[in-house]
Amino acid sequence: MANAIRALAMDAVEQAKSGHPGLPMGAADIATILFSRFLKFDPADPAWPDRDRFVLSAGHGSMLLYALLHLLGYEKVTIEEIKRFRQLGSITPGHPENFLTPGAETTTGPLGQGLANAVGMAIAERHLAAVFGPDLVDHRTYVLASDGDLMEGMSQEAIALAGHLKLNKLIVLFDDNGISIDGPLSLADSVDQVKRFEAARWAATRVDGHDPAAIAKAIAAAQGSERPSLIACRTVIGFGAPAKAGTEKCHGSPLGAEEIKGARAKLGWSEPAFAIPADVRVLWRNAGSAGTATRQTWNDRLIAAHAAR
């Protein structure tokens, strides 16, 4: 399932001759676990009010989100839109735009702003739950953030506020790959992000971002926390690319035909460009439809509620 994300990201960025394949390839395991086992949503109703929110704060990795939306069955995010990645008039722009793409919760261009938006979403959920009750408002906000997000000043303000307010339904997954567009992150930053978040009164931990069991265990623990949670997921940027993985060479440019050929071989992915095996597509579509009953039950509760409420 994760390799389907990687393949679509490689192919779309290559076809556009522009974009960022590294984050989708590195964070594919995190996203697969989150969307297939934890996230509450229904592609048939992207605006369902009590859905969980997923904010891709690292908007430069937009193909991660578009691949997910396509694989999960969001109707408008077709394979043709994936093929039109970064093209004028498509709904798959270089950075997510919430007014263009169903399933994009907020516009994330400038780094740090997605994380700050997500804190606002968590505050809104807390307020609405107090007004309408937890039977109608009970959802979480998840963020995938990069080191670039966490280096921006506004992220510190947002993190401090979230910790102060104990926004325990806010969970940040940090794509901790140690690489920036200029090279190793150590060129520009040496902050221990786990300690930083702990200082702001968050629950914080580190896991292997390519270990599905460790990711799932950390998300489950975060769901039970009384504080907002940071899960620093140690990943390899461009996971699977034979020569460019773990380097800045897959941060802001296509991999190239030979590197993609090598990545397909290394990942055991034999499908041609933009093709998804039928069995993998079924797994993703099943994950997408899993929330339908939950949404319908919620809708029944809404209809049964007193009109004034």
C-alpha atoms as a PDB file:
ATOM      1  CA  MET A   1       0.000   0.000   0.000  1.00  0.00           C
ATOM      2  CA  ALA A   2       2.822   2.400   0.879  1.00  0.00           C
ATOM      3  CA  ASN A   3       4.653   1.624  -2.358  1.00  0.00           C
ATOM      4  CA  ALA A   4       1.566   2.699  -4.315  1.00  0.00           C
ATOM      5  CA  ILE A   5       2.021   6.173  -2.802  1.00  0.00           C
ATOM      6  CA  ARG A   6       5.719   6.127  -3.656  1.00  0.00           C
ATOM      7  CA  ALA A   7       5.093   5.071  -7.248  1.00  0.00           C
ATOM      8  CA  LEU A   8       2.429   7.720  -7.908  1.00  0.00           C
ATOM      9  CA  ALA A   9       4.668  10.401  -6.388  1.00  0.00           C
ATOM     10  CA  MET A  10       7.658   9.390  -8.507  1.00  0.00           C
ATOM     11  CA  ASP A  11       5.611   9.226 -11.687  1.00  0.00           C
ATOM     12  CA  ALA A  12       3.677  12.478 -11.213  1.00  0.00           C
ATOM     13  CA  VAL A  13       6.748  14.533 -10.340  1.00  0.00           C
ATOM     14  CA  GLU A  14       8.663  13.021 -13.252  1.00  0.00           C
ATOM     15  CA  GLN A  15       5.858  13.793 -15.706  1.00  0.00           C
ATOM     16  CA  ALA A  16       5.586  17.372 -14.427  1.00  0.00           C
ATOM     17  CA  LYS A  17       9.390  17.743 -14.525  1.00  0.00           C
ATOM     18  CA  SER A  18       8.952  19.587 -11.236  1.00  0.00           C
ATOM     19  CA  GLY A  19       8.068  18.821  -7.647  1.00  0.00           C
ATOM     20  CA  HIS A  20       9.147  16.963  -4.543  1.00  0.00           C
ATOM     21  CA  PRO A  21       9.196  13.146  -4.579  1.00  0.00           C
ATOM     22  CA  GLY A  22      11.292  12.758  -1.416  1.00  0.00           C
ATOM     23  CA  LEU A  23       8.709  13.391   1.302  1.00  0.00           C
ATOM     24  CA  PRO A  24       5.940  11.201  -0.169  1.00  0.00           C
ATOM     25  CA  MET A  25       8.407   8.342  -0.595  1.00  0.00           C
ATOM     26  CA  GLY A  26       9.801   8.771   2.905  1.00  0.00           C
ATOM     27  CA  ALA A  27       6.492   9.326   4.706  1.00  0.00           C
ATOM     28  CA  ALA A  28       4.448   6.725   2.815  1.00  0.00           C
ATOM     29  CA  ASP A  29       4.560   4.215   5.673  1.00  0.00           C
ATOM     30  CA  ILE A  30       3.369   6.811   8.202  1.00  0.00           C
ATOM     31  CA  ALA A  31       0.498   7.900   5.958  1.00  0.00           C
ATOM     32  CA  THR A  32      -0.539   4.326   5.197  1.00  0.00           C
ATOM     33  CA  ILE A  33      -0.842   3.392   8.874  1.00  0.00           C
ATOM     34  CA  LEU A  34      -2.651   6.626   9.753  1.00  0.00           C
ATOM     35  CA  PHE A  35      -5.226   6.489   6.962  1.00  0.00           C
ATOM     36  CA  SER A  36      -5.849   2.734   6.982  1.00  0.00           C
ATOM     37  CA  ARG A  37      -6.030   2.198  10.754  1.00  0.00           C
ATOM     38  CA  PHE A  38      -6.717   5.419  12.644  1.00  0.00           C
ATOM     39  CA  LEU A  39      -8.149   8.315  10.646  1.00  0.00           C
ATOM     40  CA  LYS A  40     -11.937   8.875  10.744  1.00  0.00           C
ATOM     41  CA  PHE A  41     -13.161  10.094   7.341  1.00  0.00           C
ATOM     42  CA  ASP A  42     -15.378   9.218   4.386  1.00  0.00           C
ATOM     43  CA  PRO A  43     -14.334  10.038   0.794  1.00  0.00           C
ATOM     44  CA  ALA A  44     -18.029  10.089  -0.164  1.00  0.00           C
ATOM     45  CA  ASP A  45     -18.475  13.191   2.033  1.00  0.00           C
ATOM     46  CA  PRO A  46     -15.204  15.156   2.257  1.00  0.00           C
ATOM     47  CA  ALA A  47     -16.950  17.926   4.225  1.00  0.00           C
ATOM     48  CA  TRP A  48     -18.463  15.664   6.926  1.00  0.00           C
ATOM     49  CA  PRO A  49     -18.227  17.966   9.965  1.00  0.00           C
ATOM     50  CA  ASP A  50     -17.015  15.350  12.466  1.00  0.00           C
ATOM     51  CA  ARG A  51     -14.273  13.859  10.270  1.00  0.00           C
ATOM     52  CA  ASP A  52     -10.741  13.798  11.587  1.00  0.00           C
ATOM     53  CA  ARG A  53      -8.571  16.488  10.023  1.00  0.00           C
ATOM     54  CA  PHE A  54      -5.304  15.648   8.276  1.00  0.00           C
ATOM     55  CA  VAL A  55      -3.115  18.671   7.614  1.00  0.00           C
ATOM     56  CA  LEU A  56      -0.107  18.265   5.333  1.00  0.00           C
ATOM     57  CA  SER A  57       1.843  21.156   6.817  1.00  0.00           C
ATOM     58  CA  ALA A  58       4.812  20.146   4.669  1.00  0.00           C
ATOM     59  CA  GLY A  59       2.915  21.252   1.575  1.00  0.00           C
ATOM     60  CA  HIS A  60       5.891  20.780  -0.732  1.00  0.00           C
ATOM     61  CA  GLY A  61       5.224  17.033  -0.377  1.00  0.00           C
ATOM     62  CA  SER A  62       1.769  17.509  -1.891  1.00  0.00           C
ATOM     63  CA  MET A  63       1.915  14.323  -3.955  1.00  0.00           C
ATOM     64  CA  LEU A  64       1.610  12.386  -0.694  1.00  0.00           C
ATOM     65  CA  LEU A  65      -1.829  13.913  -0.159  1.00  0.00           C
ATOM     66  CA  TYR A  66      -2.955  13.607  -3.781  1.00  0.00           C
ATOM     67  CA  ALA A  67      -1.857   9.966  -3.962  1.00  0.00           C
ATOM     68  CA  LEU A  68      -3.786   9.218  -0.771  1.00  0.00           C
ATOM     69  CA  LEU A  69      -6.937  10.978  -1.961  1.00  0.00           C
ATOM     70  CA  HIS A  70      -6.838   9.133  -5.274  1.00  0.00           C
ATOM     71  CA  LEU A  71      -6.166   5.717  -3.764  1.00  0.00           C
ATOM     72  CA  LEU A  72      -8.841   6.141  -1.083  1.00  0.00           C
ATOM     73  CA  GLY A  73     -11.520   6.981  -3.637  1.00  0.00           C
ATOM     74  CA  TYR A  74     -12.064  10.738  -3.482  1.00  0.00           C
ATOM     75  CA  GLU A  75     -14.094  11.070  -6.658  1.00  0.00           C
ATOM     76  CA  LYS A  76     -12.572  14.240  -8.077  1.00  0.00           C
ATOM     77  CA  VAL A  77      -8.956  13.209  -7.539  1.00  0.00           C
ATOM     78  CA  THR A  78      -8.781  10.968 -10.595  1.00  0.00           C
ATOM     79  CA  ILE A  79      -5.715   9.380 -12.124  1.00  0.00           C
ATOM     80  CA  GLU A  80      -5.972  12.035 -14.839  1.00  0.00           C
ATOM     81  CA  GLU A  81      -5.615  14.735 -12.169  1.00  0.00           C
ATOM     82  CA  ILE A  82      -2.593  12.887 -10.780  1.00  0.00           C
ATOM     83  CA  LYS A  83      -1.106  12.925 -14.280  1.00  0.00           C
ATOM     84  CA  ARG A  84      -1.767  16.683 -14.438  1.00  0.00           C
ATOM     85  CA  PHE A  85       0.204  17.361 -11.253  1.00  0.00           C
ATOM     86  CA  ARG A  86       1.390  20.999 -11.146  1.00  0.00           C
ATOM     87  CA  GLN A  87      -0.314  21.812 -14.448  1.00  0.00           C
ATOM     88  CA  LEU A  88      -2.409  24.944 -14.982  1.00  0.00           C
ATOM     89  CA  GLY A  89      -6.070  24.260 -14.267  1.00  0.00           C
ATOM     90  CA  SER A  90      -5.556  20.965 -12.422  1.00  0.00           C
ATOM     91  CA  ILE A  91      -6.768  20.288  -8.872  1.00  0.00           C
ATOM     92  CA  THR A  92      -3.325  18.911  -8.000  1.00  0.00           C
ATOM     93  CA  PRO A  93      -1.180  22.050  -7.640  1.00  0.00           C
ATOM     94  CA  GLY A  94       2.359  22.130  -6.320  1.00  0.00           C
ATOM     95  CA  HIS A  95       1.134  22.932  -2.802  1.00  0.00           C
ATOM     96  CA  PRO A  96      -2.323  21.913  -1.519  1.00  0.00           C
ATOM     97  CA  GLU A  97      -5.123  24.471  -1.905  1.00  0.00           C
ATOM     98  CA  ASN A  98      -8.209  23.711   0.195  1.00  0.00           C
ATOM     99  CA  PHE A  99     -10.558  25.561  -2.183  1.00  0.00           C
ATOM    100  CA  LEU A 100      -9.421  23.405  -5.125  1.00  0.00           C
ATOM    101  CA  THR A 101      -9.028  19.851  -3.868  1.00  0.00           C
ATOM    102  CA  PRO A 102     -11.625  17.889  -1.855  1.00  0.00           C
ATOM    103  CA  GLY A 103      -9.764  16.402   1.099  1.00  0.00           C
ATOM    104  CA  ALA A 104      -7.188  19.206   1.379  1.00  0.00           C
ATOM    105  CA  GLU A 105      -8.111  20.663   4.772  1.00  0.00           C
ATOM    106  CA  THR A 106      -6.127  23.873   4.482  1.00  0.00           C
ATOM    107  CA  THR A 107      -3.877  25.688   2.037  1.00  0.00           C
ATOM    108  CA  THR A 108      -0.269  24.890   2.965  1.00  0.00           C
ATOM    109  CA  GLY A 109       2.306  26.841   1.056  1.00  0.00           C
ATOM    110  CA  PRO A 110       4.473  28.780   3.542  1.00  0.00           C
ATOM    111  CA  LEU A 111       6.081  26.406   6.025  1.00  0.00           C
ATOM    112  CA  GLY A 112       4.752  26.451   9.584  1.00  0.00           C
ATOM    113  CA  GLN A 113       1.307  27.732   8.646  1.00  0.00           C
ATOM    114  CA  GLY A 114      -0.289  24.301   8.342  1.00  0.00           C
ATOM    115  CA  LEU A 115       0.779  23.432  11.874  1.00  0.00           C
ATOM    116  CA  ALA A 116      -0.569  26.753  13.146  1.00  0.00           C
ATOM    117  CA  ASN A 117      -3.860  26.192  11.262  1.00  0.00           C
ATOM    118  CA  ALA A 118      -4.122  22.749  12.846  1.00  0.00           C
ATOM    119  CA  VAL A 119      -3.829  24.227  16.331  1.00  0.00           C
ATOM    120  CA  GLY A 120      -6.742  26.476  15.397  1.00  0.00           C
ATOM    121  CA  MET A 121      -8.702  23.448  14.196  1.00  0.00           C
ATOM    122  CA  ALA A 122      -8.060  21.664  17.497  1.00  0.00           C
ATOM    123  CA  ILE A 123      -9.242  24.742  19.414  1.00  0.00           C
ATOM    124  CA  ALA A 124     -12.381  24.839  17.235  1.00  0.00           C
ATOM    125  CA  GLU A 125     -13.076  21.163  17.955  1.00  0.00           C
ATOM    126  CA  ARG A 126     -12.716  21.777  21.714  1.00  0.00           C
ATOM    127  CA  HIS A 127     -15.135  24.725  21.557  1.00  0.00           C
ATOM    128  CA  LEU A 128     -17.708  22.977  19.352  1.00  0.00           C
ATOM    129  CA  ALA A 129     -17.635  19.888  21.588  1.00  0.00           C
ATOM    130  CA  ALA A 130     -18.380  22.113  24.577  1.00  0.00           C
ATOM    131  CA  VAL A 131     -21.317  23.732  22.750  1.00  0.00           C
ATOM    132  CA  PHE A 132     -22.863  20.685  21.045  1.00  0.00           C
ATOM    133  CA  GLY A 133     -21.594  17.742  23.084  1.00  0.00           C
ATOM    134  CA  PRO A 134     -19.228  14.875  22.295  1.00  0.00           C
ATOM    135  CA  ASP A 135     -21.930  12.806  20.574  1.00  0.00           C
ATOM    136  CA  LEU A 136     -21.887  15.341  17.718  1.00  0.00           C
ATOM    137  CA  VAL A 137     -18.344  16.732  17.945  1.00  0.00           C
ATOM    138  CA  ASP A 138     -15.539  14.293  18.681  1.00  0.00           C
ATOM    139  CA  HIS A 139     -12.705  14.331  16.149  1.00  0.00           C
ATOM    140  CA  ARG A 140      -8.933  14.629  16.111  1.00  0.00           C
ATOM    141  CA  THR A 141      -6.524  16.778  14.119  1.00  0.00           C
ATOM    142  CA  TYR A 142      -3.411  15.154  12.693  1.00  0.00           C
ATOM    143  CA  VAL A 143      -0.478  17.017  11.157  1.00  0.00           C
ATOM    144  CA  LEU A 144       2.403  15.810   9.023  1.00  0.00           C
ATOM    145  CA  ALA A 145       5.161  18.360   9.543  1.00  0.00           C
ATOM    146  CA  SER A 146       8.702  18.664   8.217  1.00  0.00           C
ATOM    147  CA  ASP A 147      11.824  20.086   9.803  1.00  0.00           C
ATOM    148  CA  GLY A 148      11.170  23.213   7.720  1.00  0.00           C
ATOM    149  CA  ASP A 149       7.815  23.674   9.468  1.00  0.00           C
ATOM    150  CA  LEU A 150       9.431  23.350  12.870  1.00  0.00           C
ATOM    151  CA  MET A 151      12.158  25.889  12.054  1.00  0.00           C
ATOM    152  CA  GLU A 152       9.600  28.618  11.363  1.00  0.00           C
ATOM    153  CA  GLY A 153       8.878  31.037  14.201  1.00  0.00           C
ATOM    154  CA  MET A 154       5.115  30.731  14.041  1.00  0.00           C
ATOM    155  CA  SER A 155       5.369  27.031  14.832  1.00  0.00           C
ATOM    156  CA  GLN A 156       6.809  27.870  18.267  1.00  0.00           C
ATOM    157  CA  GLU A 157       3.873  30.150  19.070  1.00  0.00           C
ATOM    158  CA  ALA A 158       1.377  27.517  17.932  1.00  0.00           C
ATOM    159  CA  ILE A 159       3.135  24.714  19.811  1.00  0.00           C
ATOM    160  CA  ALA A 160       3.247  26.777  23.008  1.00  0.00           C
ATOM    161  CA  LEU A 161      -0.466  27.606  22.806  1.00  0.00           C
ATOM    162  CA  ALA A 162      -1.460  24.001  22.100  1.00  0.00           C
ATOM    163  CA  GLY A 163       0.558  22.771  25.076  1.00  0.00           C
ATOM    164  CA  HIS A 164      -0.867  25.438  27.358  1.00  0.00           C
ATOM    165  CA  LEU A 165      -4.443  24.566  26.364  1.00  0.00           C
ATOM    166  CA  LYS A 166      -3.755  20.796  26.590  1.00  0.00           C
ATOM    167  CA  LEU A 167      -5.222  20.171  23.139  1.00  0.00           C
ATOM    168  CA  ASN A 168      -4.996  16.406  23.506  1.00  0.00           C
ATOM    169  CA  LYS A 169      -6.799  15.699  20.229  1.00  0.00           C
ATOM    170  CA  LEU A 170      -3.897  17.260  18.298  1.00  0.00           C
ATOM    171  CA  ILE A 171      -1.266  14.798  17.051  1.00  0.00           C
ATOM    172  CA  VAL A 172       1.766  15.941  15.062  1.00  0.00           C
ATOM    173  CA  LEU A 173       3.719  13.407  13.022  1.00  0.00           C
ATOM    174  CA  PHE A 174       7.173  14.835  12.328  1.00  0.00           C
ATOM    175  CA  ASP A 175       8.836  13.543   9.147  1.00  0.00           C
ATOM    176  CA  ASP A 176      12.253  13.465  10.808  1.00  0.00           C
ATOM    177  CA  ASN A 177      14.513  12.747   7.819  1.00  0.00           C
ATOM    178  CA  GLY A 178      17.448  15.022   8.648  1.00  0.00           C
ATOM    179  CA  ILE A 179      17.556  16.539   5.155  1.00  0.00           C
ATOM    180  CA  SER A 180      16.765  20.040   3.893  1.00  0.00           C
ATOM    181  CA  ILE A 181      16.839  21.337   0.333  1.00  0.00           C
ATOM    182  CA  ASP A 182      20.429  22.530   0.842  1.00  0.00           C
ATOM    183  CA  GLY A 183      21.734  19.264   2.256  1.00  0.00           C
ATOM    184  CA  PRO A 184      21.915  17.757   5.748  1.00  0.00           C
ATOM    185  CA  LEU A 185      19.690  19.523   8.276  1.00  0.00           C
ATOM    186  CA  SER A 186      22.776  19.952  10.461  1.00  0.00           C
ATOM    187  CA  LEU A 187      23.862  22.786   8.138  1.00  0.00           C
ATOM    188  CA  ALA A 188      21.132  24.984   9.602  1.00  0.00           C
ATOM    189  CA  ASP A 189      19.586  23.446  12.701  1.00  0.00           C
ATOM    190  CA  SER A 190      20.492  21.292  15.711  1.00  0.00           C
ATOM    191  CA  VAL A 191      17.364  21.552  17.867  1.00  0.00           C
ATOM    192  CA  ASP A 192      16.225  18.425  19.694  1.00  0.00           C
ATOM    193  CA  GLN A 193      12.571  18.616  18.651  1.00  0.00           C
ATOM    194  CA  VAL A 194      11.384  16.028  21.177  1.00  0.00           C
ATOM    195  CA  LYS A 195      12.821  18.069  24.050  1.00  0.00           C
ATOM    196  CA  ARG A 196      11.431  21.260  22.530  1.00  0.00           C
ATOM    197  CA  PHE A 197       7.891  19.878  22.440  1.00  0.00           C
ATOM    198  CA  GLU A 198       8.253  18.398  25.924  1.00  0.00           C
ATOM    199  CA  ALA A 199       9.248  21.848  27.169  1.00  0.00           C
ATOM    200  CA  ALA A 200       5.975  23.146  25.708  1.00  0.00           C
ATOM    201  CA  ARG A 201       4.072  20.495  27.732  1.00  0.00           C
ATOM    202  CA  TRP A 202       3.460  18.055  24.888  1.00  0.00           C
ATOM    203  CA  ALA A 203       3.784  14.282  25.023  1.00  0.00           C
ATOM    204  CA  ALA A 204       6.680  13.528  22.672  1.00  0.00           C
ATOM    205  CA  THR A 205       8.401  10.399  21.426  1.00  0.00           C
ATOM    206  CA  ARG A 206      10.627   9.099  18.608  1.00  0.00           C
ATOM    207  CA  VAL A 207       9.936   6.064  16.436  1.00  0.00           C
ATOM    208  CA  ASP A 208      11.211   4.378  13.292  1.00  0.00           C
ATOM    209  CA  GLY A 209       9.085   5.925  10.539  1.00  0.00           C
ATOM    210  CA  HIS A 210       9.384   2.784   8.424  1.00  0.00           C
ATOM    211  CA  ASP A 211       8.205   0.389  11.162  1.00  0.00           C
ATOM    212  CA  PRO A 212       4.403   0.015  10.837  1.00  0.00           C
ATOM    213  CA  ALA A 213       4.015  -1.560  14.285  1.00  0.00           C
ATOM    214  CA  ALA A 214       6.000   1.208  15.999  1.00  0.00           C
ATOM    215  CA  ILE A 215       4.029   3.911  14.165  1.00  0.00           C
ATOM    216  CA  ALA A 216       0.710   2.328  15.104  1.00  0.00           C
ATOM    217  CA  LYS A 217       1.725   1.911  18.749  1.00  0.00           C
ATOM    218  CA  ALA A 218       2.764   5.574  18.962  1.00  0.00           C
ATOM    219  CA  ILE A 219      -0.472   6.845  17.374  1.00  0.00           C
ATOM    220  CA  ALA A 220      -2.561   4.678  19.708  1.00  0.00           C
ATOM    221  CA  ALA A 221      -0.665   6.074  22.706  1.00  0.00           C
ATOM    222  CA  ALA A 222      -1.149   9.622  21.419  1.00  0.00           C
ATOM    223  CA  GLN A 223      -4.895   9.050  21.117  1.00  0.00           C
ATOM    224  CA  GLY A 224      -4.973   8.226  24.821  1.00  0.00           C
ATOM    225  CA  SER A 225      -2.824  11.143  25.952  1.00  0.00           C
ATOM    226  CA  GLU A 226      -4.090  14.036  28.066  1.00  0.00           C
ATOM    227  CA  ARG A 227      -1.770  16.392  26.164  1.00  0.00           C
ATOM    228  CA  PRO A 228      -1.069  17.160  22.506  1.00  0.00           C
ATOM    229  CA  SER A 229       1.402  14.683  21.047  1.00  0.00           C
ATOM    230  CA  LEU A 230       4.482  14.822  18.843  1.00  0.00           C
ATOM    231  CA  ILE A 231       5.631  11.619  17.171  1.00  0.00           C
ATOM    232  CA  ALA A 232       9.044  12.175  15.604  1.00  0.00           C
ATOM    233  CA  CYS A 233       9.229   9.556  12.844  1.00  0.00           C
ATOM    234  CA  ARG A 234      12.783   8.877  11.698  1.00  0.00           C
ATOM    235  CA  THR A 235      12.531   8.366   7.942  1.00  0.00           C
ATOM    236  CA  VAL A 236      14.711   8.161   4.850  1.00  0.00           C
ATOM    237  CA  ILE A 237      13.806  10.879   2.358  1.00  0.00           C
ATOM    238  CA  GLY A 238      13.180   9.345  -1.068  1.00  0.00           C
ATOM    239  CA  PHE A 239      12.916   5.857   0.465  1.00  0.00           C
ATOM    240  CA  GLY A 240      13.622   3.253  -2.215  1.00  0.00           C
ATOM    241  CA  ALA A 241      15.557   5.449  -4.635  1.00  0.00           C
ATOM    242  CA  PRO A 242      18.887   3.617  -5.105  1.00  0.00           C
ATOM    243  CA  ALA A 243      21.233   6.615  -5.402  1.00  0.00           C
ATOM    244  CA  LYS A 244      19.238   9.642  -4.216  1.00  0.00           C
ATOM    245  CA  ALA A 245      17.486   8.318  -1.086  1.00  0.00           C
ATOM    246  CA  GLY A 246      18.685  10.032   2.070  1.00  0.00           C
ATOM    247  CA  THR A 247      19.990  13.059   0.165  1.00  0.00           C
ATOM    248  CA  GLU A 248      18.780  16.500  -0.861  1.00  0.00           C
ATOM    249  CA  LYS A 249      18.777  15.315  -4.497  1.00  0.00           C
ATOM    250  CA  CYS A 250      15.195  14.066  -4.071  1.00  0.00           C
ATOM    251  CA  HIS A 251      14.009  17.104  -2.121  1.00  0.00           C
ATOM    252  CA  GLY A 252      12.904  19.483  -4.853  1.00  0.00           C
ATOM    253  CA  SER A 253      13.391  17.865  -8.244  1.00  0.00           C
ATOM    254  CA  PRO A 254      12.341  14.765 -10.204  1.00  0.00           C
ATOM    255  CA  LEU A 255      14.309  11.564  -9.689  1.00  0.00           C
ATOM    256  CA  GLY A 256      14.926  10.971 -13.398  1.00  0.00           C
ATOM    257  CA  ALA A 257      14.059   7.938 -15.494  1.00  0.00           C
ATOM    258  CA  GLU A 258      17.028   5.778 -14.474  1.00  0.00           C
ATOM    259  CA  GLU A 259      16.585   6.453 -10.758  1.00  0.00           C
ATOM    260  CA  ILE A 260      12.858   5.654 -11.000  1.00  0.00           C
ATOM    261  CA  LYS A 261      13.693   2.398 -12.806  1.00  0.00           C
ATOM    262  CA  GLY A 262      16.092   1.531  -9.990  1.00  0.00           C
ATOM    263  CA  ALA A 263      13.565   2.469  -7.321  1.00  0.00           C
ATOM    264  CA  ARG A 264      10.920   0.263  -8.900  1.00  0.00           C
ATOM    265  CA  ALA A 265      13.357  -2.647  -8.849  1.00  0.00           C
ATOM    266  CA  LYS A 266      14.394  -1.987  -5.249  1.00  0.00           C
ATOM    267  CA  LEU A 267      10.798  -1.683  -4.051  1.00  0.00           C
ATOM    268  CA  GLY A 268       9.638  -4.695  -6.057  1.00  0.00           C
ATOM    269  CA  TRP A 269       7.171  -2.522  -7.980  1.00  0.00           C
ATOM    270  CA  SER A 270       6.808  -3.824 -11.529  1.00  0.00           C
ATOM    271  CA  GLU A 271       3.791  -1.791 -12.634  1.00  0.00           C
ATOM    272  CA  PRO A 272       4.173   0.801 -15.417  1.00  0.00           C
ATOM    273  CA  ALA A 273       3.798   4.519 -14.707  1.00  0.00           C
ATOM    274  CA  PHE A 274       0.553   5.527 -12.949  1.00  0.00           C
ATOM    275  CA  ALA A 275      -0.698   1.919 -12.742  1.00  0.00           C
ATOM    276  CA  ILE A 276      -1.846   0.393  -9.446  1.00  0.00           C
ATOM    277  CA  PRO A 277      -2.234  -3.402  -9.028  1.00  0.00           C
ATOM    278  CA  ALA A 278      -5.859  -4.440  -8.550  1.00  0.00           C
ATOM    279  CA  ASP A 279      -5.259  -6.079  -5.158  1.00  0.00           C
ATOM    280  CA  VAL A 280      -3.504  -2.979  -3.810  1.00  0.00           C
ATOM    281  CA  ARG A 281      -6.268  -0.724  -5.110  1.00  0.00           C
ATOM    282  CA  VAL A 282      -8.844  -2.899  -3.306  1.00  0.00           C
ATOM    283  CA  LEU A 283      -6.944  -2.542  -0.033  1.00  0.00           C
ATOM    284  CA  TRP A 284      -6.914   1.237  -0.370  1.00  0.00           C
ATOM    285  CA  ARG A 285     -10.563   1.478  -1.406  1.00  0.00           C
ATOM    286  CA  ASN A 286     -11.557  -0.699   1.548  1.00  0.00           C
ATOM    287  CA  ALA A 287      -9.668   1.691   3.820  1.00  0.00           C
ATOM    288  CA  GLY A 288     -11.549   4.566   2.205  1.00  0.00           C
ATOM    289  CA  SER A 289     -14.992   3.020   2.679  1.00  0.00           C
ATOM    290  CA  ALA A 290     -14.367   1.933   6.288  1.00  0.00           C
ATOM    291  CA  GLY A 291     -15.670   5.232   7.663  1.00  0.00           C
ATOM    292  CA  THR A 292     -18.993   5.251   5.813  1.00  0.00           C
ATOM    293  CA  ALA A 293     -20.952   3.506   8.577  1.00  0.00           C
ATOM    294  CA  THR A 294     -19.472   5.826  11.221  1.00  0.00           C
ATOM    295  CA  ARG A 295     -20.521   8.866   9.231  1.00  0.00           C
ATOM    296  CA  GLN A 296     -24.027   7.514   8.689  1.00  0.00           C
ATOM    297  CA  THR A 297     -24.417   6.757  12.405  1.00  0.00           C
ATOM    298  CA  TRP A 298     -23.251  10.273  13.219  1.00  0.00           C
ATOM    299  CA  ASN A 299     -25.759  11.673  10.724  1.00  0.00           C
ATOM    300  CA  ASP A 300     -28.540   9.693  12.403  1.00  0.00           C
ATOM    301  CA  ARG A 301     -27.589  11.260  15.749  1.00  0.00           C
ATOM    302  CA  LEU A 302     -27.640  14.706  14.166  1.00  0.00           C
ATOM    303  CA  ILE A 303     -31.102  14.154  12.698  1.00  0.00           C
ATOM    304  CA  ALA A 304     -32.386  12.815  16.022  1.00  0.00           C
ATOM    305  CA  ALA A 305     -31.064  15.798  17.964  1.00  0.00           C
ATOM    306  CA  HIS A 306     -33.455  18.482  19.153  1.00  0.00           C
ATOM    307  CA  ALA A 307     -33.993  21.079  16.410  1.00  0.00           C
ATOM    308  CA  ALA A 308     -32.706  23.963  18.545  1.00  0.00           C
ATOM    309  CA  ARG A 309     -29.494  22.039  19.249  1.00  0.00           C
END
